[in-house]
C-alpha atoms as a PDB file:
ATOM      1  CA  MET A   1      21.748 -18.658 -13.745  1.00  0.00           C
ATOM      2  CA  ALA A   2      18.487 -16.892 -14.488  1.00  0.00           C
ATOM      3  CA  TYR A   3      17.113 -14.047 -11.987  1.00  0.00           C
ATOM      4  CA  ILE A   4      13.875 -12.952 -11.498  1.00  0.00           C
ATOM      5  CA  VAL A   5      12.838  -9.490 -10.280  1.00  0.00           C
ATOM      6  CA  GLY A   6      10.001  -8.826  -8.197  1.00  0.00           C
ATOM      7  CA  ILE A   7       8.740  -5.039  -7.505  1.00  0.00           C
ATOM      8  CA  ASP A   8       6.621  -3.696  -5.330  1.00  0.00           C
ATOM      9  CA  GLY A   9       5.723  -0.304  -5.899  1.00  0.00           C
ATOM     10  CA  GLY A  10       3.675   1.427  -3.174  1.00  0.00           C
ATOM     11  CA  GLY A  11       2.432   5.316  -2.745  1.00  0.00           C
ATOM     12  CA  THR A  12       5.155   5.727  -0.194  1.00  0.00           C
ATOM     13  CA  LYS A  13       7.891   3.503  -0.589  1.00  0.00           C
ATOM     14  CA  THR A  14       9.161   0.547  -3.380  1.00  0.00           C
ATOM     15  CA  ALA A  15      10.269  -2.792  -1.902  1.00  0.00           C
ATOM     16  CA  VAL A  16      12.516  -5.162  -4.841  1.00  0.00           C
ATOM     17  CA  ALA A  17      13.333  -8.545  -4.448  1.00  0.00           C
ATOM     18  CA  ILE A  18      15.584 -10.337  -6.724  1.00  0.00           C
ATOM     19  CA  THR A  19      16.059 -14.327  -6.623  1.00  0.00           C
ATOM     20  CA  HIS A  20      17.847 -17.189  -8.654  1.00  0.00           C
ATOM     21  CA  ASP A  21      14.692 -19.078 -11.139  1.00  0.00           C
ATOM     22  CA  GLN A  22      14.463 -21.471  -8.037  1.00  0.00           C
ATOM     23  CA  GLU A  23      15.545 -20.054  -4.920  1.00  0.00           C
ATOM     24  CA  ASP A  24      14.338 -17.642  -2.095  1.00  0.00           C
ATOM     25  CA  ALA A  25      15.035 -13.555  -2.622  1.00  0.00           C
ATOM     26  CA  LEU A  26      18.387 -13.531  -2.502  1.00  0.00           C
ATOM     27  CA  PHE A  27      19.018  -9.497  -2.472  1.00  0.00           C
ATOM     28  CA  THR A  28      16.424  -6.947  -1.368  1.00  0.00           C
ATOM     29  CA  PHE A  29      16.244  -3.506  -0.890  1.00  0.00           C
ATOM     30  CA  THR A  30      13.868  -0.040  -1.192  1.00  0.00           C
ATOM     31  CA  VAL A  31      13.359   2.942  -3.275  1.00  0.00           C
ATOM     32  CA  GLY A  32      11.040   5.647  -3.601  1.00  0.00           C
ATOM     33  CA  PRO A  33       7.518   5.986  -4.498  1.00  0.00           C
ATOM     34  CA  ILE A  34       6.595   4.406  -8.505  1.00  0.00           C
ATOM     35  CA  ASN A  35       2.777   5.352  -8.114  1.00  0.00           C
ATOM     36  CA  TYR A  36       2.032   8.048 -10.633  1.00  0.00           C
ATOM     37  CA  ASN A  37      -1.525   8.800  -9.055  1.00  0.00           C
ATOM     38  CA  GLY A  38      -0.707  11.495  -7.436  1.00  0.00           C
ATOM     39  CA  GLY A  39       2.941  10.977  -7.268  1.00  0.00           C
ATOM     40  CA  ASP A  40       5.977  13.104  -8.178  1.00  0.00           C
ATOM     41  CA  ALA A  41       7.401  11.933 -11.924  1.00  0.00           C
ATOM     42  CA  ASP A  42      10.602  13.152 -11.100  1.00  0.00           C
ATOM     43  CA  ALA A  43      10.809  10.900  -8.187  1.00  0.00           C
ATOM     44  CA  ILE A  44       9.268   7.948  -9.849  1.00  0.00           C
ATOM     45  CA  ALA A  45      11.782   8.181 -12.368  1.00  0.00           C
ATOM     46  CA  ALA A  46      14.706   8.647  -9.759  1.00  0.00           C
ATOM     47  CA  SER A  47      13.384   5.162  -8.070  1.00  0.00           C
ATOM     48  CA  PHE A  48      13.555   3.189 -11.724  1.00  0.00           C
ATOM     49  CA  GLY A  49      17.156   4.782 -11.919  1.00  0.00           C
ATOM     50  CA  GLU A  50      18.382   3.150  -8.861  1.00  0.00           C
ATOM     51  CA  ILE A  51      16.005  -0.276  -9.174  1.00  0.00           C
ATOM     52  CA  PHE A  52      18.037  -0.712 -12.304  1.00  0.00           C
ATOM     53  CA  ASN A  53      21.633   0.529 -10.870  1.00  0.00           C
ATOM     54  CA  GLN A  54      20.935  -2.282  -8.068  1.00  0.00           C
ATOM     55  CA  THR A  55      19.813  -4.889 -10.023  1.00  0.00           C
ATOM     56  CA  LYS A  56      22.647  -4.222 -12.482  1.00  0.00           C
ATOM     57  CA  LEU A  57      25.132  -4.350  -9.575  1.00  0.00           C
ATOM     58  CA  TYR A  58      23.596  -7.878  -8.436  1.00  0.00           C
ATOM     59  CA  CYS A  59      23.063  -9.402 -11.708  1.00  0.00           C
ATOM     60  CA  GLY A  60      25.782  -8.328 -13.574  1.00  0.00           C
ATOM     61  CA  ASN A  61      23.940  -7.386 -16.693  1.00  0.00           C
ATOM     62  CA  LEU A  62      20.268  -7.319 -17.632  1.00  0.00           C
ATOM     63  CA  GLN A  63      20.699  -9.955 -19.947  1.00  0.00           C
ATOM     64  CA  GLU A  64      20.677 -12.324 -16.574  1.00  0.00           C
ATOM     65  CA  VAL A  65      17.246 -11.295 -15.627  1.00  0.00           C
ATOM     66  CA  ALA A  66      14.712 -13.530 -17.071  1.00  0.00           C
ATOM     67  CA  HIS A  67      11.489 -11.777 -15.687  1.00  0.00           C
ATOM     68  CA  ILE A  68      10.506  -8.697 -14.346  1.00  0.00           C
ATOM     69  CA  CYS A  69       7.133  -8.799 -12.140  1.00  0.00           C
ATOM     70  CA  ILE A  70       5.615  -5.305 -10.709  1.00  0.00           C
ATOM     71  CA  GLY A  71       2.872  -5.052  -8.506  1.00  0.00           C
ATOM     72  CA  ALA A  72       1.874  -1.755  -8.270  1.00  0.00           C
ATOM     73  CA  ALA A  73      -0.395   0.765  -6.647  1.00  0.00           C
ATOM     74  CA  GLY A  74      -2.759   3.157  -9.322  1.00  0.00           C
ATOM     75  CA  ILE A  75      -2.825   0.627 -12.108  1.00  0.00           C
ATOM     76  CA  SER A  76      -6.172   0.940 -12.322  1.00  0.00           C
ATOM     77  CA  ASN A  77      -5.502   3.946 -14.688  1.00  0.00           C
ATOM     78  CA  PRO A  78      -4.480   2.744 -17.673  1.00  0.00           C
ATOM     79  CA  LEU A  79      -1.885   5.268 -18.688  1.00  0.00           C
ATOM     80  CA  VAL A  80      -0.140   4.154 -15.434  1.00  0.00           C
ATOM     81  CA  VAL A  81       0.681   0.952 -16.976  1.00  0.00           C
ATOM     82  CA  HIS A  82       2.079   2.746 -20.317  1.00  0.00           C
ATOM     83  CA  LEU A  83       4.184   4.382 -18.245  1.00  0.00           C
ATOM     84  CA  LEU A  84       5.865   1.886 -16.069  1.00  0.00           C
ATOM     85  CA  GLU A  85       6.352  -0.121 -19.184  1.00  0.00           C
ATOM     86  CA  GLN A  86       8.794   2.748 -20.664  1.00  0.00           C
ATOM     87  CA  HIS A  87      10.555   3.039 -17.830  1.00  0.00           C
ATOM     88  CA  VAL A  88      11.061  -0.493 -17.518  1.00  0.00           C
ATOM     89  CA  ARG A  89      12.332  -0.385 -21.402  1.00  0.00           C
ATOM     90  CA  ASP A  90      14.146   2.999 -20.927  1.00  0.00           C
ATOM     91  CA  HIS A  91      16.498   1.282 -18.958  1.00  0.00           C
ATOM     92  CA  SER A  92      17.479  -1.026 -21.780  1.00  0.00           C
ATOM     93  CA  TYR A  93      15.512  -4.318 -20.140  1.00  0.00           C
ATOM     94  CA  THR A  94      13.903  -6.263 -23.124  1.00  0.00           C
ATOM     95  CA  GLY A  95      12.858  -9.364 -21.657  1.00  0.00           C
ATOM     96  CA  PRO A  96       9.822 -10.440 -19.936  1.00  0.00           C
ATOM     97  CA  LEU A  97       7.908  -8.207 -18.139  1.00  0.00           C
ATOM     98  CA  THR A  98       4.844  -8.591 -15.877  1.00  0.00           C
ATOM     99  CA  ILE A  99       2.712  -5.278 -14.847  1.00  0.00           C
ATOM    100  CA  THR A 100      -0.108  -5.841 -12.446  1.00  0.00           C
ATOM    101  CA  GLY A 101      -2.008  -4.536  -9.438  1.00  0.00           C
ATOM    102  CA  ASP A 102      -0.183  -4.764  -6.211  1.00  0.00           C
ATOM    103  CA  GLN A 103      -3.019  -6.515  -4.506  1.00  0.00           C
ATOM    104  CA  GLU A 104      -2.156  -9.498  -6.481  1.00  0.00           C
ATOM    105  CA  THR A 105       1.412  -9.759  -5.700  1.00  0.00           C
ATOM    106  CA  ALA A 106       0.760  -8.775  -2.210  1.00  0.00           C
ATOM    107  CA  LEU A 107      -2.059 -11.696  -2.105  1.00  0.00           C
ATOM    108  CA  TYR A 108       0.542 -14.424  -3.710  1.00  0.00           C
ATOM    109  CA  GLY A 109       3.123 -12.821  -0.659  1.00  0.00           C
ATOM    110  CA  ALA A 110       0.946 -13.101   2.107  1.00  0.00           C
ATOM    111  CA  GLN A 111      -0.967 -16.345   1.456  1.00  0.00           C
ATOM    112  CA  ASN A 112       2.003 -18.456  -0.683  1.00  0.00           C
ATOM    113  CA  ALA A 113      -0.619 -18.812  -3.314  1.00  0.00           C
ATOM    114  CA  MET A 114      -3.066 -17.207  -5.271  1.00  0.00           C
ATOM    115  CA  GLN A 115      -5.797 -17.715  -3.023  1.00  0.00           C
ATOM    116  CA  GLY A 116      -7.327 -15.826   0.063  1.00  0.00           C
ATOM    117  CA  ILE A 117      -7.831 -12.567   0.787  1.00  0.00           C
ATOM    118  CA  ILE A 118      -5.401  -9.619   1.374  1.00  0.00           C
ATOM    119  CA  LEU A 119      -6.330  -6.456   2.971  1.00  0.00           C
ATOM    120  CA  ILE A 120      -3.814  -3.548   2.250  1.00  0.00           C
ATOM    121  CA  ALA A 121      -3.941  -0.107   3.969  1.00  0.00           C
ATOM    122  CA  GLY A 122      -1.072   1.690   3.520  1.00  0.00           C
ATOM    123  CA  THR A 123      -0.384   5.082   1.525  1.00  0.00           C
ATOM    124  CA  GLY A 124      -3.829   4.197   0.020  1.00  0.00           C
ATOM    125  CA  SER A 125      -6.285   1.094   0.872  1.00  0.00           C
ATOM    126  CA  ILE A 126      -7.385  -1.944  -1.286  1.00  0.00           C
ATOM    127  CA  CYS A 127      -8.572  -5.449  -0.893  1.00  0.00           C
ATOM    128  CA  PHE A 128      -8.590  -8.351  -2.991  1.00  0.00           C
ATOM    129  CA  GLY A 129      -9.565 -11.687  -2.788  1.00  0.00           C
ATOM    130  CA  VAL A 130      -9.345 -15.341  -4.804  1.00  0.00           C
ATOM    131  CA  ASN A 131     -11.465 -18.040  -4.233  1.00  0.00           C
ATOM    132  CA  GLU A 132     -10.928 -21.812  -4.931  1.00  0.00           C
ATOM    133  CA  LYS A 133     -12.606 -21.721  -8.489  1.00  0.00           C
ATOM    134  CA  GLY A 134     -10.109 -18.614  -9.118  1.00  0.00           C
ATOM    135  CA  GLU A 135     -12.756 -16.174  -9.216  1.00  0.00           C
ATOM    136  CA  GLN A 136     -11.683 -12.904  -8.192  1.00  0.00           C
ATOM    137  CA  HIS A 137     -13.215  -9.527  -6.438  1.00  0.00           C
ATOM    138  CA  ARG A 138     -11.486  -6.311  -5.478  1.00  0.00           C
ATOM    139  CA  THR A 139     -12.578  -3.462  -3.660  1.00  0.00           C
ATOM    140  CA  GLY A 140     -11.149   0.148  -2.897  1.00  0.00           C
ATOM    141  CA  GLY A 141      -7.566   1.023  -4.420  1.00  0.00           C
ATOM    142  CA  PHE A 142      -9.192   3.967  -6.937  1.00  0.00           C
ATOM    143  CA  GLY A 143      -7.075   6.762  -5.698  1.00  0.00           C
ATOM    144  CA  HIS A 144      -6.929   9.516  -2.999  1.00  0.00           C
ATOM    145  CA  LEU A 145      -9.479  11.662  -4.530  1.00  0.00           C
ATOM    146  CA  ILE A 146     -12.364   9.490  -4.874  1.00  0.00           C
ATOM    147  CA  ASP A 147     -11.341   6.312  -2.516  1.00  0.00           C
ATOM    148  CA  ASP A 148      -8.771   5.293  -0.272  1.00  0.00           C
ATOM    149  CA  GLU A 149     -11.039   5.175   3.066  1.00  0.00           C
ATOM    150  CA  GLY A 150      -9.389   3.630   5.774  1.00  0.00           C
ATOM    151  CA  SER A 151      -5.154   4.770   4.322  1.00  0.00           C
ATOM    152  CA  GLY A 152      -2.656   6.629   5.677  1.00  0.00           C
ATOM    153  CA  TYR A 153      -3.537   9.281   3.270  1.00  0.00           C
ATOM    154  CA  SER A 154      -6.858   9.371   4.380  1.00  0.00           C
ATOM    155  CA  ILE A 155      -5.804   9.704   8.095  1.00  0.00           C
ATOM    156  CA  GLY A 156      -3.408  12.279   7.168  1.00  0.00           C
ATOM    157  CA  ARG A 157      -6.073  14.389   5.608  1.00  0.00           C
ATOM    158  CA  ASP A 158      -8.771  13.661   8.253  1.00  0.00           C
ATOM    159  CA  LEU A 159      -6.147  14.861  10.781  1.00  0.00           C
ATOM    160  CA  LEU A 160      -6.236  18.170   9.246  1.00  0.00           C
ATOM    161  CA  SER A 161      -9.203  18.005   8.800  1.00  0.00           C
ATOM    162  CA  ILE A 162      -9.599  18.117  12.625  1.00  0.00           C
ATOM    163  CA  LEU A 163      -6.617  20.487  13.327  1.00  0.00           C
ATOM    164  CA  VAL A 164      -8.762  23.305  11.268  1.00  0.00           C
ATOM    165  CA  GLN A 165     -12.286  22.263  12.738  1.00  0.00           C
ATOM    166  CA  ALA A 166     -10.000  22.716  16.242  1.00  0.00           C
ATOM    167  CA  GLU A 167      -9.002  26.147  15.225  1.00  0.00           C
ATOM    168  CA  ASP A 168     -12.481  27.841  14.608  1.00  0.00           C
ATOM    169  CA  GLY A 169     -13.987  26.344  17.538  1.00  0.00           C
ATOM    170  CA  ARG A 170     -15.984  23.078  15.815  1.00  0.00           C
ATOM    171  CA  VAL A 171     -14.330  20.352  17.962  1.00  0.00           C
ATOM    172  CA  LYS A 172     -12.844  21.084  21.446  1.00  0.00           C
ATOM    173  CA  ASP A 173     -10.171  19.303  23.924  1.00  0.00           C
ATOM    174  CA  THR A 174      -7.712  17.734  21.077  1.00  0.00           C
ATOM    175  CA  ILE A 175      -3.808  17.136  21.325  1.00  0.00           C
ATOM    176  CA  ILE A 176      -4.151  16.677  17.470  1.00  0.00           C
ATOM    177  CA  PRO A 177      -3.511  20.336  16.130  1.00  0.00           C
ATOM    178  CA  ALA A 178      -0.316  20.685  18.628  1.00  0.00           C
ATOM    179  CA  MET A 179       0.696  17.345  16.833  1.00  0.00           C
ATOM    180  CA  VAL A 180       0.468  18.088  13.318  1.00  0.00           C
ATOM    181  CA  TYR A 181       1.982  21.613  13.874  1.00  0.00           C
ATOM    182  CA  GLU A 182       5.213  20.195  15.382  1.00  0.00           C
ATOM    183  CA  GLN A 183       5.611  17.722  12.720  1.00  0.00           C
ATOM    184  CA  LEU A 184       5.484  19.822   9.670  1.00  0.00           C
ATOM    185  CA  GLY A 185       7.173  22.601  11.696  1.00  0.00           C
ATOM    186  CA  LEU A 186       4.492  25.129  11.469  1.00  0.00           C
ATOM    187  CA  SER A 187       2.065  27.119  13.605  1.00  0.00           C
ATOM    188  CA  THR A 188      -0.605  28.829  12.048  1.00  0.00           C
ATOM    189  CA  VAL A 189      -3.560  27.714  10.041  1.00  0.00           C
ATOM    190  CA  LYS A 190      -2.585  29.831   6.896  1.00  0.00           C
ATOM    191  CA  GLU A 191       0.811  27.576   6.993  1.00  0.00           C
ATOM    192  CA  ILE A 192      -1.355  24.408   7.345  1.00  0.00           C
ATOM    193  CA  ILE A 193      -3.281  25.703   4.116  1.00  0.00           C
ATOM    194  CA  GLY A 194      -0.167  26.781   2.233  1.00  0.00           C
ATOM    195  CA  PHE A 195       1.266  23.098   3.069  1.00  0.00           C
ATOM    196  CA  VAL A 196      -1.984  21.373   1.716  1.00  0.00           C
ATOM    197  CA  TYR A 197      -2.516  23.194  -1.794  1.00  0.00           C
ATOM    198  CA  ASP A 198       1.403  23.524  -2.364  1.00  0.00           C
ATOM    199  CA  LYS A 199       1.522  22.009  -5.869  1.00  0.00           C
ATOM    200  CA  ASN A 200       4.646  20.101  -4.777  1.00  0.00           C
ATOM    201  CA  THR A 201       2.492  18.432  -1.457  1.00  0.00           C
ATOM    202  CA  THR A 202       2.229  14.985  -2.322  1.00  0.00           C
ATOM    203  CA  LYS A 203      -0.467  12.424  -0.847  1.00  0.00           C
ATOM    204  CA  LYS A 204       3.105  11.065   0.400  1.00  0.00           C
ATOM    205  CA  ASP A 205       3.606  14.232   2.411  1.00  0.00           C
ATOM    206  CA  ILE A 206      -0.509  14.027   3.817  1.00  0.00           C
ATOM    207  CA  ALA A 207       0.074  10.220   4.568  1.00  0.00           C
ATOM    208  CA  GLN A 208       3.088  10.354   6.825  1.00  0.00           C
ATOM    209  CA  LEU A 209       1.014  12.110   9.150  1.00  0.00           C
ATOM    210  CA  ALA A 210      -1.098   9.389  10.112  1.00  0.00           C
ATOM    211  CA  PRO A 211       0.951   7.983  12.964  1.00  0.00           C
ATOM    212  CA  ILE A 212      -0.001  11.119  14.966  1.00  0.00           C
ATOM    213  CA  MET A 213      -3.494   9.197  14.987  1.00  0.00           C
ATOM    214  CA  THR A 214      -1.999   6.426  17.242  1.00  0.00           C
ATOM    215  CA  THR A 215       0.089   8.604  19.575  1.00  0.00           C
ATOM    216  CA  ALA A 216      -2.973  10.668  20.003  1.00  0.00           C
ATOM    217  CA  CYS A 217      -4.895   7.369  20.610  1.00  0.00           C
ATOM    218  CA  GLU A 218      -2.244   6.224  23.201  1.00  0.00           C
ATOM    219  CA  LYS A 219      -2.675   9.490  25.136  1.00  0.00           C
ATOM    220  CA  GLY A 220      -6.483   8.935  25.180  1.00  0.00           C
ATOM    221  CA  ASP A 221      -7.669  11.732  22.594  1.00  0.00           C
ATOM    222  CA  ALA A 222     -11.111  11.078  21.940  1.00  0.00           C
ATOM    223  CA  GLN A 223     -10.968  12.549  18.455  1.00  0.00           C
ATOM    224  CA  ALA A 224      -8.142  10.068  17.595  1.00  0.00           C
ATOM    225  CA  LEU A 225      -9.678   7.306  19.225  1.00  0.00           C
ATOM    226  CA  ALA A 226     -13.003   7.821  16.910  1.00  0.00           C
ATOM    227  CA  LEU A 227     -10.587   8.650  13.869  1.00  0.00           C
ATOM    228  CA  ALA A 228      -9.391   4.806  14.394  1.00  0.00           C
ATOM    229  CA  GLU A 229     -12.478   3.534  14.884  1.00  0.00           C
ATOM    230  CA  GLN A 230     -13.741   5.155  11.457  1.00  0.00           C
ATOM    231  CA  CYS A 231     -10.714   4.060   9.766  1.00  0.00           C
ATOM    232  CA  ALA A 232     -11.411   0.509  10.885  1.00  0.00           C
ATOM    233  CA  ALA A 233     -14.954   0.579   9.680  1.00  0.00           C
ATOM    234  CA  SER A 234     -13.774   1.948   6.362  1.00  0.00           C
ATOM    235  CA  LEU A 235     -11.443  -0.830   5.922  1.00  0.00           C
ATOM    236  CA  PHE A 236     -14.293  -3.424   7.030  1.00  0.00           C
ATOM    237  CA  LYS A 237     -16.030  -1.717   4.386  1.00  0.00           C
ATOM    238  CA  LEU A 238     -13.833  -2.969   2.206  1.00  0.00           C
ATOM    239  CA  VAL A 239     -13.490  -6.624   2.975  1.00  0.00           C
ATOM    240  CA  VAL A 240     -17.214  -7.459   3.233  1.00  0.00           C
ATOM    241  CA  PRO A 241     -18.253  -7.872  -0.229  1.00  0.00           C
ATOM    242  CA  VAL A 242     -14.530  -9.845  -1.080  1.00  0.00           C
ATOM    243  CA  ILE A 243     -16.009 -12.281   1.539  1.00  0.00           C
ATOM    244  CA  GLU A 244     -19.401 -12.441   0.364  1.00  0.00           C
ATOM    245  CA  ARG A 245     -19.111 -12.412  -3.114  1.00  0.00           C
ATOM    246  CA  LEU A 246     -16.136 -15.525  -3.229  1.00  0.00           C
ATOM    247  CA  GLY A 247     -17.877 -17.605  -0.648  1.00  0.00           C
ATOM    248  CA  LEU A 248     -14.539 -16.877   1.933  1.00  0.00           C
ATOM    249  CA  HIS A 249     -16.433 -16.956   5.048  1.00  0.00           C
ATOM    250  CA  GLU A 250     -13.824 -18.529   6.826  1.00  0.00           C
ATOM    251  CA  SER A 251     -10.428 -17.569   4.778  1.00  0.00           C
ATOM    252  CA  PRO A 252      -8.254 -15.539   7.062  1.00  0.00           C
ATOM    253  CA  ILE A 253      -7.414 -12.173   5.872  1.00  0.00           C
ATOM    254  CA  ALA A 254      -3.977 -11.100   5.137  1.00  0.00           C
ATOM    255  CA  ILE A 255      -3.185  -7.906   6.352  1.00  0.00           C
ATOM    256  CA  ALA A 256      -0.559  -5.599   5.170  1.00  0.00           C
ATOM    257  CA  GLY A 257       0.656  -2.014   4.890  1.00  0.00           C
ATOM    258  CA  SER A 258       1.635   0.492   7.977  1.00  0.00           C
ATOM    259  CA  VAL A 259      -2.413   1.485   8.784  1.00  0.00           C
ATOM    260  CA  LEU A 260      -3.243  -1.668   9.855  1.00  0.00           C
ATOM    261  CA  GLN A 261       0.634  -3.474  10.938  1.00  0.00           C
ATOM    262  CA  LYS A 262       1.501  -0.171  13.017  1.00  0.00           C
ATOM    263  CA  SER A 263      -1.673   1.132  14.986  1.00  0.00           C
ATOM    264  CA  CYS A 264      -3.302  -1.826  17.146  1.00  0.00           C
ATOM    265  CA  PHE A 265      -6.112   0.356  17.654  1.00  0.00           C
ATOM    266  CA  VAL A 266      -7.074   0.160  13.876  1.00  0.00           C
ATOM    267  CA  LYS A 267      -6.272  -3.358  13.834  1.00  0.00           C
ATOM    268  CA  GLU A 268      -7.910  -4.338  17.331  1.00  0.00           C
ATOM    269  CA  ALA A 269     -11.293  -2.049  16.373  1.00  0.00           C
ATOM    270  CA  LEU A 270     -11.138  -4.257  12.695  1.00  0.00           C
ATOM    271  CA  GLU A 271     -10.906  -6.796  14.720  1.00  0.00           C
ATOM    272  CA  ARG A 272     -13.904  -6.769  16.782  1.00  0.00           C
ATOM    273  CA  GLN A 273     -16.434  -5.937  13.602  1.00  0.00           C
ATOM    274  CA  LEU A 274     -15.003  -9.287  12.233  1.00  0.00           C
ATOM    275  CA  ALA A 275     -15.684 -11.120  15.465  1.00  0.00           C
ATOM    276  CA  GLN A 276     -19.097 -10.005  15.122  1.00  0.00           C
ATOM    277  CA  SER A 277     -20.262 -10.909  11.378  1.00  0.00           C
ATOM    278  CA  TYR A 278     -17.655 -12.969  10.585  1.00  0.00           C
ATOM    279  CA  PRO A 279     -16.814 -15.155  13.395  1.00  0.00           C
ATOM    280  CA  GLN A 280     -14.819 -17.864  11.854  1.00  0.00           C
ATOM    281  CA  THR A 281     -12.205 -15.077  10.003  1.00  0.00           C
ATOM    282  CA  LYS A 282      -9.390 -13.586  11.532  1.00  0.00           C
ATOM    283  CA  LEU A 283      -6.438 -11.426  10.669  1.00  0.00           C
ATOM    284  CA  ILE A 284      -2.891 -13.300   9.752  1.00  0.00           C
ATOM    285  CA  LEU A 285       0.241 -11.654   9.169  1.00  0.00           C
ATOM    286  CA  PRO A 286       1.756 -12.046   5.689  1.00  0.00           C
ATOM    287  CA  ILE A 287       4.132 -15.296   5.286  1.00  0.00           C
ATOM    288  CA  LYS A 288       6.266 -13.236   2.324  1.00  0.00           C
ATOM    289  CA  ASP A 289       5.975  -9.552   1.400  1.00  0.00           C
ATOM    290  CA  ALA A 290       4.645  -8.523  -1.806  1.00  0.00           C
ATOM    291  CA  ALA A 291       7.926  -8.014  -3.241  1.00  0.00           C
ATOM    292  CA  TYR A 292       8.698 -11.490  -2.894  1.00  0.00           C
ATOM    293  CA  GLY A 293       4.706 -12.141  -4.242  1.00  0.00           C
ATOM    294  CA  ALA A 294       6.148 -10.308  -7.051  1.00  0.00           C
ATOM    295  CA  VAL A 295       8.617 -13.152  -7.648  1.00  0.00           C
ATOM    296  CA  LEU A 296       6.328 -15.626  -6.882  1.00  0.00           C
ATOM    297  CA  LEU A 297       3.592 -14.362  -9.674  1.00  0.00           C
ATOM    298  CA  GLY A 298       6.805 -13.512 -11.775  1.00  0.00           C
ATOM    299  CA  ARG A 299       8.123 -17.698 -11.863  1.00  0.00           C
ATOM    300  CA  SER A 300       4.346 -18.528 -12.429  1.00  0.00           C
ATOM    301  CA  LYS A 301       4.091 -16.546 -15.575  1.00  0.00           C
ATOM    302  CA  MET A 302       7.573 -18.431 -16.621  1.00  0.00           C
ATOM    303  CA  ASN A 303       6.527 -21.554 -15.870  1.00  0.00           C
ATOM    304  CA  ASN A 304       3.347 -21.350 -17.677  1.00  0.00           C
ATOM    305  CA  ASP A 305       5.089 -19.752 -21.002  1.00  0.00           C
END
């Protein structure tokens, strides 16, 4: 019986779902990131090694795999597609392979169809939509150096910015510096600068600071509350062109990623902004995750071949 392997590759972790060709997910697991834009090449290689070790254990051998579908962050960079394919082929898989943006697999899983809107705010951020005519539009997702506003990375970066501004007197009365110092195990601005600009520090390391914002919001910190509103405003800016260009004014927006799913302050601020401009639109949780969405996309590719 043929297996389909669906892979959701993010900037912090990669989720994998393995199914028979006509069944729901049978086996799921997670490994490290496979995003080359700001990721570590050795860590990505290790992630692929673990993916194929687990796949062989479950499927018996790769000849039983009928299709692998990868939805990955960072494939706006054409070199990334080549590198991802090379990893797959280096592990002796010679069968059909689909590599696409994680926004497509996330949408397929979230809405159980390639239609509607998905807003992702994890390590990075992106919004993607498809209307009834099959027209598509995507906003954001162009990497942490020039984009990814409202993401875990951008929150982490802004928390570090608040820290240095608090230390030199530009920002007052905030608990954020103490919380950042504690999480990183550091105690001075010089050590913070060393951490930020160390060549071994990845965007994942910065993004891991993001939960500090939510904790500080719960304690009523004004800087954190303002940052949550700013984050929501950035995500709202991602959503608007997708709604307008595709005419999806009443479409529910599926939300994915830790920023939207774990920070009620960001989610509620975004809901308030949407209610003012698009009162028929609401945020919903995905029906299925993006790894299963990759399975569904892989299955549709098989059926159309």
